[in-house]
C-alpha atoms as a PDB file:
ATOM      1  CA  MET A   1      18.310   4.722 -24.858  1.00  0.00           C
ATOM      2  CA  THR A   2      19.957   8.010 -23.964  1.00  0.00           C
ATOM      3  CA  ASP A   3      22.608   7.769 -21.250  1.00  0.00           C
ATOM      4  CA  ARG A   4      23.537  10.577 -18.924  1.00  0.00           C
ATOM      5  CA  VAL A   5      26.369  10.892 -16.424  1.00  0.00           C
ATOM      6  CA  LEU A   6      25.185  12.314 -13.115  1.00  0.00           C
ATOM      7  CA  ALA A   7      27.243  14.657 -10.984  1.00  0.00           C
ATOM      8  CA  GLU A   8      28.345  11.813  -8.720  1.00  0.00           C
ATOM      9  CA  GLY A   9      29.566   9.842 -11.725  1.00  0.00           C
ATOM     10  CA  THR A  10      26.748   7.321 -12.068  1.00  0.00           C
ATOM     11  CA  LEU A  11      25.819   6.257 -15.583  1.00  0.00           C
ATOM     12  CA  ILE A  12      22.055   5.896 -15.879  1.00  0.00           C
ATOM     13  CA  GLY A  13      19.588   5.756 -18.722  1.00  0.00           C
ATOM     14  CA  ASP A  14      16.390   7.671 -19.341  1.00  0.00           C
ATOM     15  CA  ARG A  15      14.200   4.564 -19.141  1.00  0.00           C
ATOM     16  CA  LEU A  16      14.711   3.635 -15.497  1.00  0.00           C
ATOM     17  CA  ALA A  17      11.621   3.972 -13.308  1.00  0.00           C
ATOM     18  CA  VAL A  18      11.056   2.912  -9.714  1.00  0.00           C
ATOM     19  CA  HIS A  19       7.786   1.939  -8.056  1.00  0.00           C
ATOM     20  CA  THR A  20       6.910   3.833  -4.890  1.00  0.00           C
ATOM     21  CA  GLN A  21       6.312   0.459  -3.219  1.00  0.00           C
ATOM     22  CA  THR A  22       9.982  -0.352  -3.819  1.00  0.00           C
ATOM     23  CA  THR A  23      10.902   2.480  -1.445  1.00  0.00           C
ATOM     24  CA  LYS A  24       7.843   1.970   0.741  1.00  0.00           C
ATOM     25  CA  PRO A  25       9.241   3.787   3.828  1.00  0.00           C
ATOM     26  CA  LEU A  26       9.440   7.046   1.839  1.00  0.00           C
ATOM     27  CA  LYS A  27       6.357   9.210   1.591  1.00  0.00           C
ATOM     28  CA  LEU A  28       5.498  10.275  -1.940  1.00  0.00           C
ATOM     29  CA  ASP A  29       7.098  13.708  -1.652  1.00  0.00           C
ATOM     30  CA  GLN A  30      10.273  12.152  -0.225  1.00  0.00           C
ATOM     31  CA  ALA A  31      10.383   9.527  -2.966  1.00  0.00           C
ATOM     32  CA  ILE A  32      10.023  12.185  -5.643  1.00  0.00           C
ATOM     33  CA  LEU A  33      12.983  14.118  -4.199  1.00  0.00           C
ATOM     34  CA  GLU A  34      15.198  11.059  -3.805  1.00  0.00           C
ATOM     35  CA  TYR A  35      14.448   9.793  -7.322  1.00  0.00           C
ATOM     36  CA  GLN A  36      14.992  13.213  -8.861  1.00  0.00           C
ATOM     37  CA  LYS A  37      18.331  13.693  -7.075  1.00  0.00           C
ATOM     38  CA  ARG A  38      19.614  10.491  -8.652  1.00  0.00           C
ATOM     39  CA  GLY A  39      18.372  11.200 -12.156  1.00  0.00           C
ATOM     40  CA  ILE A  40      15.635   8.563 -12.049  1.00  0.00           C
ATOM     41  CA  ARG A  41      13.088   9.875 -14.529  1.00  0.00           C
ATOM     42  CA  GLY A  42      10.127   7.558 -13.897  1.00  0.00           C
ATOM     43  CA  ILE A  43       8.011   7.013 -10.793  1.00  0.00           C
ATOM     44  CA  SER A  44       5.230   4.436 -10.888  1.00  0.00           C
ATOM     45  CA  VAL A  45       2.795   5.472  -8.190  1.00  0.00           C
ATOM     46  CA  TRP A  46       1.051   2.948  -5.994  1.00  0.00           C
ATOM     47  CA  LYS A  47      -2.365   4.173  -4.907  1.00  0.00           C
ATOM     48  CA  GLU A  48      -1.350   3.710  -1.264  1.00  0.00           C
ATOM     49  CA  ALA A  49       1.398   6.302  -1.774  1.00  0.00           C
ATOM     50  CA  LEU A  50      -1.259   8.933  -2.497  1.00  0.00           C
ATOM     51  CA  GLU A  51      -2.486   8.858   1.095  1.00  0.00           C
ATOM     52  CA  GLY A  52      -2.332  12.442   2.338  1.00  0.00           C
ATOM     53  CA  PHE A  53      -2.002  13.882  -1.174  1.00  0.00           C
ATOM     54  CA  SER A  54      -4.611  14.757  -3.755  1.00  0.00           C
ATOM     55  CA  ALA A  55      -3.953  13.377  -7.220  1.00  0.00           C
ATOM     56  CA  ALA A  56      -3.632  16.929  -8.532  1.00  0.00           C
ATOM     57  CA  ASP A  57      -1.048  17.852  -5.889  1.00  0.00           C
ATOM     58  CA  ALA A  58       0.865  14.638  -6.556  1.00  0.00           C
ATOM     59  CA  ASP A  59       0.877  15.373 -10.280  1.00  0.00           C
ATOM     60  CA  ALA A  60       2.191  18.881  -9.671  1.00  0.00           C
ATOM     61  CA  MET A  61       5.010  17.615  -7.441  1.00  0.00           C
ATOM     62  CA  ILE A  62       5.995  14.947  -9.925  1.00  0.00           C
ATOM     63  CA  ARG A  63       6.018  17.324 -12.890  1.00  0.00           C
ATOM     64  CA  ASP A  64       7.840  20.054 -10.949  1.00  0.00           C
ATOM     65  CA  HIS A  65      10.686  17.616 -10.351  1.00  0.00           C
ATOM     66  CA  GLY A  66      10.884  16.497 -13.975  1.00  0.00           C
ATOM     67  CA  LEU A  67       9.532  12.992 -13.453  1.00  0.00           C
ATOM     68  CA  SER A  68       7.012  11.003 -15.481  1.00  0.00           C
ATOM     69  CA  VAL A  69       4.507   8.392 -14.309  1.00  0.00           C
ATOM     70  CA  PRO A  70       4.622   5.117 -16.237  1.00  0.00           C
ATOM     71  CA  ALA A  71       1.762   3.638 -14.216  1.00  0.00           C
ATOM     72  CA  LEU A  72      -0.732   3.887 -11.418  1.00  0.00           C
ATOM     73  CA  VAL A  73      -0.652   0.633  -9.439  1.00  0.00           C
ATOM     74  CA  ARG A  74      -2.855  -1.379  -8.708  1.00  0.00           C
ATOM     75  CA  GLY A  75      -6.338  -1.688 -10.075  1.00  0.00           C
ATOM     76  CA  GLY A  76      -8.194  -4.871 -10.916  1.00  0.00           C
ATOM     77  CA  PHE A  77      -9.399  -7.371  -8.275  1.00  0.00           C
ATOM     78  CA  PHE A  78     -12.468  -8.141 -10.348  1.00  0.00           C
ATOM     79  CA  CYS A  79     -13.179 -11.527  -8.785  1.00  0.00           C
ATOM     80  CA  ALA A  80     -15.895 -11.638  -6.135  1.00  0.00           C
ATOM     81  CA  ALA A  81     -18.705 -13.978  -5.169  1.00  0.00           C
ATOM     82  CA  THR A  82     -21.643 -11.811  -6.274  1.00  0.00           C
ATOM     83  CA  GLN A  83     -22.485  -9.763  -9.331  1.00  0.00           C
ATOM     84  CA  ALA A  84     -23.031  -6.713  -7.121  1.00  0.00           C
ATOM     85  CA  GLU A  85     -19.538  -7.035  -5.671  1.00  0.00           C
ATOM     86  CA  ARG A  86     -18.034  -7.495  -9.109  1.00  0.00           C
ATOM     87  CA  GLN A  87     -19.827  -4.378 -10.354  1.00  0.00           C
ATOM     88  CA  GLN A  88     -18.453  -2.463  -7.373  1.00  0.00           C
ATOM     89  CA  ARG A  89     -14.941  -3.543  -8.343  1.00  0.00           C
ATOM     90  CA  ILE A  90     -15.508  -2.217 -11.858  1.00  0.00           C
ATOM     91  CA  ASP A  91     -16.720   1.100 -10.449  1.00  0.00           C
ATOM     92  CA  ASP A  92     -13.632   1.249  -8.202  1.00  0.00           C
ATOM     93  CA  ASN A  93     -11.447   0.817 -11.272  1.00  0.00           C
ATOM     94  CA  ARG A  94     -13.255   3.623 -13.066  1.00  0.00           C
ATOM     95  CA  ARG A  95     -12.213   5.935 -10.233  1.00  0.00           C
ATOM     96  CA  LEU A  96      -8.643   4.700 -10.498  1.00  0.00           C
ATOM     97  CA  ILE A  97      -8.638   5.482 -14.218  1.00  0.00           C
ATOM     98  CA  GLU A  98      -9.675   9.040 -13.328  1.00  0.00           C
ATOM     99  CA  ILE A  99      -6.802   9.267 -10.840  1.00  0.00           C
ATOM    100  CA  ALA A 100      -4.367   7.846 -13.395  1.00  0.00           C
ATOM    101  CA  SER A 101      -5.482  10.509 -15.851  1.00  0.00           C
ATOM    102  CA  ILE A 102      -4.893  13.289 -13.312  1.00  0.00           C
ATOM    103  CA  LEU A 103      -1.404  11.886 -12.650  1.00  0.00           C
ATOM    104  CA  ASN A 104      -0.748  11.746 -16.397  1.00  0.00           C
ATOM    105  CA  ALA A 105       0.047   8.058 -15.910  1.00  0.00           C
ATOM    106  CA  GLN A 106       0.470   6.068 -19.091  1.00  0.00           C
ATOM    107  CA  MET A 107      -1.496   3.120 -17.735  1.00  0.00           C
ATOM    108  CA  LEU A 108      -3.380   1.527 -14.882  1.00  0.00           C
ATOM    109  CA  VAL A 109      -1.828  -1.825 -13.952  1.00  0.00           C
ATOM    110  CA  LEU A 110      -4.300  -4.545 -13.007  1.00  0.00           C
ATOM    111  CA  VAL A 111      -3.814  -7.363 -10.541  1.00  0.00           C
ATOM    112  CA  VAL A 112      -6.949  -9.169 -11.551  1.00  0.00           C
ATOM    113  CA  GLY A 113      -7.890 -11.011  -8.357  1.00  0.00           C
ATOM    114  CA  ALA A 114      -9.015 -14.514  -7.403  1.00  0.00           C
ATOM    115  CA  ILE A 115     -11.203 -16.186  -4.821  1.00  0.00           C
ATOM    116  CA  PRO A 116     -11.011 -19.762  -3.525  1.00  0.00           C
ATOM    117  CA  GLY A 117     -13.530 -22.347  -4.613  1.00  0.00           C
ATOM    118  CA  VAL A 118     -14.412 -21.025  -8.069  1.00  0.00           C
ATOM    119  CA  ALA A 119     -12.885 -22.491 -11.231  1.00  0.00           C
ATOM    120  CA  LEU A 120     -10.108 -20.320 -12.578  1.00  0.00           C
ATOM    121  CA  GLU A 121     -11.607 -20.282 -16.072  1.00  0.00           C
ATOM    122  CA  VAL A 122     -14.851 -18.890 -14.644  1.00  0.00           C
ATOM    123  CA  GLN A 123     -12.930 -16.181 -12.844  1.00  0.00           C
ATOM    124  CA  ARG A 124     -11.014 -15.311 -16.014  1.00  0.00           C
ATOM    125  CA  GLY A 125     -14.413 -14.697 -17.592  1.00  0.00           C
ATOM    126  CA  TRP A 126     -15.171 -12.213 -14.819  1.00  0.00           C
ATOM    127  CA  VAL A 127     -11.847 -10.522 -15.485  1.00  0.00           C
ATOM    128  CA  GLN A 128     -12.581 -10.323 -19.198  1.00  0.00           C
ATOM    129  CA  ASP A 129     -15.971  -8.753 -18.458  1.00  0.00           C
ATOM    130  CA  GLY A 130     -14.398  -6.281 -16.040  1.00  0.00           C
ATOM    131  CA  VAL A 131     -11.676  -5.213 -18.440  1.00  0.00           C
ATOM    132  CA  ALA A 132     -14.157  -4.861 -21.313  1.00  0.00           C
ATOM    133  CA  ALA A 133     -16.351  -2.648 -19.128  1.00  0.00           C
ATOM    134  CA  LEU A 134     -13.426  -0.251 -18.592  1.00  0.00           C
ATOM    135  CA  THR A 135     -12.258   0.271 -22.167  1.00  0.00           C
ATOM    136  CA  SER A 136     -14.487   3.270 -22.922  1.00  0.00           C
ATOM    137  CA  ASP A 137     -13.426   5.011 -19.716  1.00  0.00           C
ATOM    138  CA  ALA A 138      -9.770   4.257 -20.405  1.00  0.00           C
ATOM    139  CA  LYS A 139      -9.925   5.597 -23.958  1.00  0.00           C
ATOM    140  CA  ALA A 140     -11.701   8.750 -22.826  1.00  0.00           C
ATOM    141  CA  ALA A 141      -9.005   9.301 -20.201  1.00  0.00           C
ATOM    142  CA  ASN A 142      -6.126   8.315 -22.520  1.00  0.00           C
ATOM    143  CA  VAL A 143      -5.007   5.735 -19.954  1.00  0.00           C
ATOM    144  CA  LYS A 144      -3.973   2.270 -21.083  1.00  0.00           C
ATOM    145  CA  ILE A 145      -5.015  -0.850 -19.169  1.00  0.00           C
ATOM    146  CA  ALA A 146      -2.238  -3.347 -18.438  1.00  0.00           C
ATOM    147  CA  ILE A 147      -3.088  -6.836 -17.196  1.00  0.00           C
ATOM    148  CA  GLU A 148      -0.279  -8.205 -15.033  1.00  0.00           C
ATOM    149  CA  PRO A 149      -0.027 -12.010 -14.807  1.00  0.00           C
ATOM    150  CA  LEU A 150       1.043 -13.161 -11.339  1.00  0.00           C
ATOM    151  CA  HIS A 151       3.065 -16.223 -10.402  1.00  0.00           C
ATOM    152  CA  PRO A 152       0.933 -19.383  -9.916  1.00  0.00           C
ATOM    153  CA  MET A 153       1.583 -19.260  -6.158  1.00  0.00           C
ATOM    154  CA  TYR A 154      -1.032 -16.476  -6.131  1.00  0.00           C
ATOM    155  CA  ALA A 155      -3.678 -18.346  -8.121  1.00  0.00           C
ATOM    156  CA  GLY A 156      -5.755 -19.185  -5.050  1.00  0.00           C
ATOM    157  CA  ASP A 157      -6.484 -15.713  -3.768  1.00  0.00           C
ATOM    158  CA  LYS A 158      -4.783 -12.949  -5.741  1.00  0.00           C
ATOM    159  CA  SER A 159      -4.729 -13.633  -9.461  1.00  0.00           C
ATOM    160  CA  CYS A 160      -6.482 -16.112 -11.726  1.00  0.00           C
ATOM    161  CA  VAL A 161      -4.208 -14.926 -14.560  1.00  0.00           C
ATOM    162  CA  ASN A 162      -0.833 -16.581 -14.088  1.00  0.00           C
ATOM    163  CA  ARG A 163       0.709 -16.792 -17.548  1.00  0.00           C
ATOM    164  CA  ILE A 164       1.145 -14.270 -20.310  1.00  0.00           C
ATOM    165  CA  ALA A 165      -0.875 -16.627 -22.523  1.00  0.00           C
ATOM    166  CA  GLU A 166      -3.925 -16.144 -20.291  1.00  0.00           C
ATOM    167  CA  ALA A 167      -3.526 -12.367 -20.341  1.00  0.00           C
ATOM    168  CA  ASN A 168      -3.110 -12.522 -24.102  1.00  0.00           C
ATOM    169  CA  ALA A 169      -6.330 -14.519 -24.414  1.00  0.00           C
ATOM    170  CA  ILE A 170      -8.221 -11.817 -22.509  1.00  0.00           C
ATOM    171  CA  CYS A 171      -6.698  -9.186 -24.804  1.00  0.00           C
ATOM    172  CA  ASP A 172      -7.842 -11.224 -27.805  1.00  0.00           C
ATOM    173  CA  SER A 173     -11.389 -11.389 -26.454  1.00  0.00           C
ATOM    174  CA  VAL A 174     -11.623  -7.718 -25.511  1.00  0.00           C
ATOM    175  CA  ASN A 175      -9.909  -6.778 -28.790  1.00  0.00           C
ATOM    176  CA  ASP A 176      -9.112  -3.164 -28.005  1.00  0.00           C
ATOM    177  CA  PRO A 177      -5.670  -1.536 -28.416  1.00  0.00           C
ATOM    178  CA  ILE A 178      -6.128   0.244 -25.074  1.00  0.00           C
ATOM    179  CA  VAL A 179      -5.673  -3.159 -23.347  1.00  0.00           C
ATOM    180  CA  GLY A 180      -2.297  -4.877 -23.023  1.00  0.00           C
ATOM    181  CA  VAL A 181       0.008  -6.691 -20.622  1.00  0.00           C
ATOM    182  CA  ALA A 182       2.557  -5.825 -17.943  1.00  0.00           C
ATOM    183  CA  VAL A 183       5.388  -8.368 -17.820  1.00  0.00           C
ATOM    184  CA  ASP A 184       7.059  -8.724 -14.416  1.00  0.00           C
ATOM    185  CA  VAL A 185      10.122 -10.972 -14.411  1.00  0.00           C
ATOM    186  CA  TYR A 186       9.315 -12.146 -10.864  1.00  0.00           C
ATOM    187  CA  HIS A 187       6.013 -13.585 -12.006  1.00  0.00           C
ATOM    188  CA  THR A 188       6.911 -14.878 -15.472  1.00  0.00           C
ATOM    189  CA  TRP A 189      10.563 -15.996 -15.577  1.00  0.00           C
ATOM    190  CA  TRP A 190       9.649 -19.641 -14.992  1.00  0.00           C
ATOM    191  CA  ASP A 191       7.275 -19.910 -17.980  1.00  0.00           C
ATOM    192  CA  PRO A 192       8.684 -22.214 -20.713  1.00  0.00           C
ATOM    193  CA  ASP A 193       6.707 -20.180 -23.279  1.00  0.00           C
ATOM    194  CA  LEU A 194       7.963 -16.822 -22.025  1.00  0.00           C
ATOM    195  CA  GLU A 195       9.960 -15.781 -25.077  1.00  0.00           C
ATOM    196  CA  THR A 196       7.244 -16.857 -27.505  1.00  0.00           C
ATOM    197  CA  GLN A 197       4.589 -15.031 -25.523  1.00  0.00           C
ATOM    198  CA  ILE A 198       6.667 -11.853 -25.291  1.00  0.00           C
ATOM    199  CA  GLU A 199       7.167 -11.974 -29.056  1.00  0.00           C
ATOM    200  CA  THR A 200       3.396 -12.337 -29.467  1.00  0.00           C
ATOM    201  CA  LEU A 201       2.796  -9.329 -27.239  1.00  0.00           C
ATOM    202  CA  GLY A 202       5.207  -7.288 -29.302  1.00  0.00           C
ATOM    203  CA  ARG A 203       3.634  -8.352 -32.583  1.00  0.00           C
ATOM    204  CA  HIS A 204       0.222  -7.186 -31.375  1.00  0.00           C
ATOM    205  CA  ASN A 205       1.505  -3.992 -29.672  1.00  0.00           C
ATOM    206  CA  ARG A 206       0.359  -5.293 -26.284  1.00  0.00           C
ATOM    207  CA  LEU A 207       3.626  -5.164 -24.360  1.00  0.00           C
ATOM    208  CA  PHE A 208       2.814  -2.156 -22.193  1.00  0.00           C
ATOM    209  CA  ALA A 209       5.112  -2.537 -19.175  1.00  0.00           C
ATOM    210  CA  PHE A 210       8.227  -4.367 -17.982  1.00  0.00           C
ATOM    211  CA  HIS A 211       9.016  -4.840 -14.276  1.00  0.00           C
ATOM    212  CA  LEU A 212      12.398  -5.754 -12.798  1.00  0.00           C
ATOM    213  CA  CYS A 213      13.560  -7.464  -9.619  1.00  0.00           C
ATOM    214  CA  ASP A 214      15.017 -10.886  -8.807  1.00  0.00           C
ATOM    215  CA  TRP A 215      13.982 -14.188  -7.204  1.00  0.00           C
ATOM    216  CA  ARG A 216      16.010 -14.942  -4.101  1.00  0.00           C
ATOM    217  CA  VAL A 217      17.085 -18.571  -3.513  1.00  0.00           C
ATOM    218  CA  PRO A 218      15.965 -19.727  -1.047  1.00  0.00           C
ATOM    219  CA  THR A 219      12.959 -17.449  -0.858  1.00  0.00           C
ATOM    220  CA  ARG A 220      12.057 -16.689   2.749  1.00  0.00           C
ATOM    221  CA  ASP A 221       8.700 -15.045   2.044  1.00  0.00           C
ATOM    222  CA  LEU A 222       6.631 -15.302  -1.129  1.00  0.00           C
ATOM    223  CA  LEU A 223       5.538 -11.658  -1.023  1.00  0.00           C
ATOM    224  CA  THR A 224       8.181  -9.545   0.699  1.00  0.00           C
ATOM    225  CA  ASP A 225      11.509 -11.194  -0.129  1.00  0.00           C
ATOM    226  CA  ARG A 226      12.202 -10.023  -3.647  1.00  0.00           C
ATOM    227  CA  ALA A 227      15.844  -9.388  -4.416  1.00  0.00           C
ATOM    228  CA  LEU A 228      17.864  -6.742  -6.190  1.00  0.00           C
ATOM    229  CA  MET A 229      18.648  -7.572  -9.780  1.00  0.00           C
ATOM    230  CA  GLY A 230      21.621  -9.936  -9.750  1.00  0.00           C
ATOM    231  CA  ASP A 231      20.956 -11.338  -6.276  1.00  0.00           C
ATOM    232  CA  GLY A 232      18.693 -14.146  -7.490  1.00  0.00           C
ATOM    233  CA  CYS A 233      18.178 -16.729 -10.208  1.00  0.00           C
ATOM    234  CA  ILE A 234      16.179 -14.839 -12.873  1.00  0.00           C
ATOM    235  CA  PRO A 235      17.994 -14.493 -16.231  1.00  0.00           C
ATOM    236  CA  ILE A 236      17.160 -10.801 -16.324  1.00  0.00           C
ATOM    237  CA  SER A 237      19.460  -9.712 -19.136  1.00  0.00           C
ATOM    238  CA  ARG A 238      18.154 -12.494 -21.382  1.00  0.00           C
ATOM    239  CA  ILE A 239      14.550 -11.490 -20.710  1.00  0.00           C
ATOM    240  CA  LEU A 240      15.441  -7.838 -21.249  1.00  0.00           C
ATOM    241  CA  ASN A 241      16.935  -8.746 -24.616  1.00  0.00           C
ATOM    242  CA  CYS A 242      13.750 -10.610 -25.502  1.00  0.00           C
ATOM    243  CA  VAL A 243      11.550  -7.679 -24.511  1.00  0.00           C
ATOM    244  CA  GLU A 244      13.619  -5.234 -26.514  1.00  0.00           C
ATOM    245  CA  ALA A 245      13.646  -7.582 -29.517  1.00  0.00           C
ATOM    246  CA  ALA A 246       9.836  -7.585 -29.349  1.00  0.00           C
ATOM    247  CA  GLY A 247       9.897  -3.828 -29.934  1.00  0.00           C
ATOM    248  CA  PHE A 248       9.389  -2.631 -26.385  1.00  0.00           C
ATOM    249  CA  ARG A 249      10.668   0.913 -25.901  1.00  0.00           C
ATOM    250  CA  GLY A 250       8.961   1.780 -22.632  1.00  0.00           C
ATOM    251  CA  TRP A 251      10.149   2.134 -19.060  1.00  0.00           C
ATOM    252  CA  HIS A 252      12.191  -0.437 -17.165  1.00  0.00           C
ATOM    253  CA  GLU A 253      10.356  -0.349 -13.837  1.00  0.00           C
ATOM    254  CA  VAL A 254      12.032  -1.648 -10.685  1.00  0.00           C
ATOM    255  CA  GLU A 255       9.457  -3.226  -8.374  1.00  0.00           C
ATOM    256  CA  ILE A 256      10.969  -4.818  -5.270  1.00  0.00           C
ATOM    257  CA  PHE A 257       8.978  -5.829  -2.189  1.00  0.00           C
ATOM    258  CA  SER A 258      11.522  -6.594   0.524  1.00  0.00           C
ATOM    259  CA  THR A 259      11.378  -6.247   4.284  1.00  0.00           C
ATOM    260  CA  ASP A 260      15.186  -6.334   4.232  1.00  0.00           C
ATOM    261  CA  HIS A 261      15.492  -3.438   1.824  1.00  0.00           C
ATOM    262  CA  TRP A 262      12.619  -1.500   3.415  1.00  0.00           C
ATOM    263  CA  SER A 263      14.528  -1.580   6.712  1.00  0.00           C
ATOM    264  CA  SER A 264      17.679  -0.197   5.071  1.00  0.00           C
ATOM    265  CA  ASP A 265      18.675   3.358   4.197  1.00  0.00           C
ATOM    266  CA  GLN A 266      16.474   4.154   1.190  1.00  0.00           C
ATOM    267  CA  GLY A 267      19.008   6.460  -0.425  1.00  0.00           C
ATOM    268  CA  CYS A 268      21.636   3.721  -0.388  1.00  0.00           C
ATOM    269  CA  PHE A 269      19.036   1.284  -1.682  1.00  0.00           C
ATOM    270  CA  LEU A 270      18.276   3.560  -4.626  1.00  0.00           C
ATOM    271  CA  ASP A 271      21.985   3.837  -5.383  1.00  0.00           C
ATOM    272  CA  GLN A 272      22.144   0.029  -5.453  1.00  0.00           C
ATOM    273  CA  ILE A 273      19.141  -0.106  -7.764  1.00  0.00           C
ATOM    274  CA  ILE A 274      20.830   2.236 -10.210  1.00  0.00           C
ATOM    275  CA  SER A 275      24.062   0.238 -10.126  1.00  0.00           C
ATOM    276  CA  ARG A 276      22.301  -3.088 -10.639  1.00  0.00           C
ATOM    277  CA  TYR A 277      20.088  -1.707 -13.383  1.00  0.00           C
ATOM    278  CA  GLU A 278      23.106  -0.329 -15.210  1.00  0.00           C
ATOM    279  CA  ARG A 279      24.778  -3.748 -14.972  1.00  0.00           C
ATOM    280  CA  CYS A 280      21.668  -5.519 -16.329  1.00  0.00           C
ATOM    281  CA  TYR A 281      21.316  -3.108 -19.207  1.00  0.00           C
ATOM    282  CA  GLN A 282      24.975  -3.179 -20.177  1.00  0.00           C
ATOM    283  CA  THR A 283      25.002  -6.993 -20.058  1.00  0.00           C
ATOM    284  CA  SER A 284      21.896  -7.189 -22.231  1.00  0.00           C
ATOM    285  CA  THR A 285      23.392  -4.916 -24.910  1.00  0.00           C
ATOM    286  CA  ARG A 286      26.660  -6.804 -25.324  1.00  0.00           C
END
């Protein structure tokens, strides 16, 4: 990691990235400016942030300000009641791969989806089929596919993949190096097999992304009450050490959904993110 001291005296590394959804009140062009001013080098673009911008224009703005795009977020949502609907979801993801390629994004992150009333193992089969159907498109576009396991609280309607082990099993079945896993501490910190699974991802070169935030106690909302690193109970520095030990050398992406932080001054929020990230990184390297 290369450290740089910014004009205002903040020490920050070249691996910090922020998701546009973290600073949701900022339009994409505003987010680009605010990130660039603070020396944040990575911007993971949520597809909703592209509203009002073509992918080509977004790419030009991002490159002109010296930023890189770790990921386009979110594809997936393969689970649906009918084969026709599931095929439509695959086609939707093909278009997202095209957009990711235009943005020069390293990967498309997948939230795989779930529907009530169908066995989770059946739905994981749909996900496997969907991911396998995208590998040729992804390779042609030079865009990796990252499956993101979500916390079990989302198993009913958002993700039938809730542990890294389940994502790993899909990777085993698809068996293509273009397919890997995005590890988000919010969704995985509770898993007793977390360190073993991260090591497995590293051994198979499947650890594509690493997302940072914290779990507030008590949590007031299961979707929009994520905390800044250090304001919750996740052992972030320990997990960061584990990820680095597994050979991960990618971006550290901050992904915080918080009505509290969205209602605050976004520039101050970004300054807090940088400070907390620096603290996490320095603690993990001691």
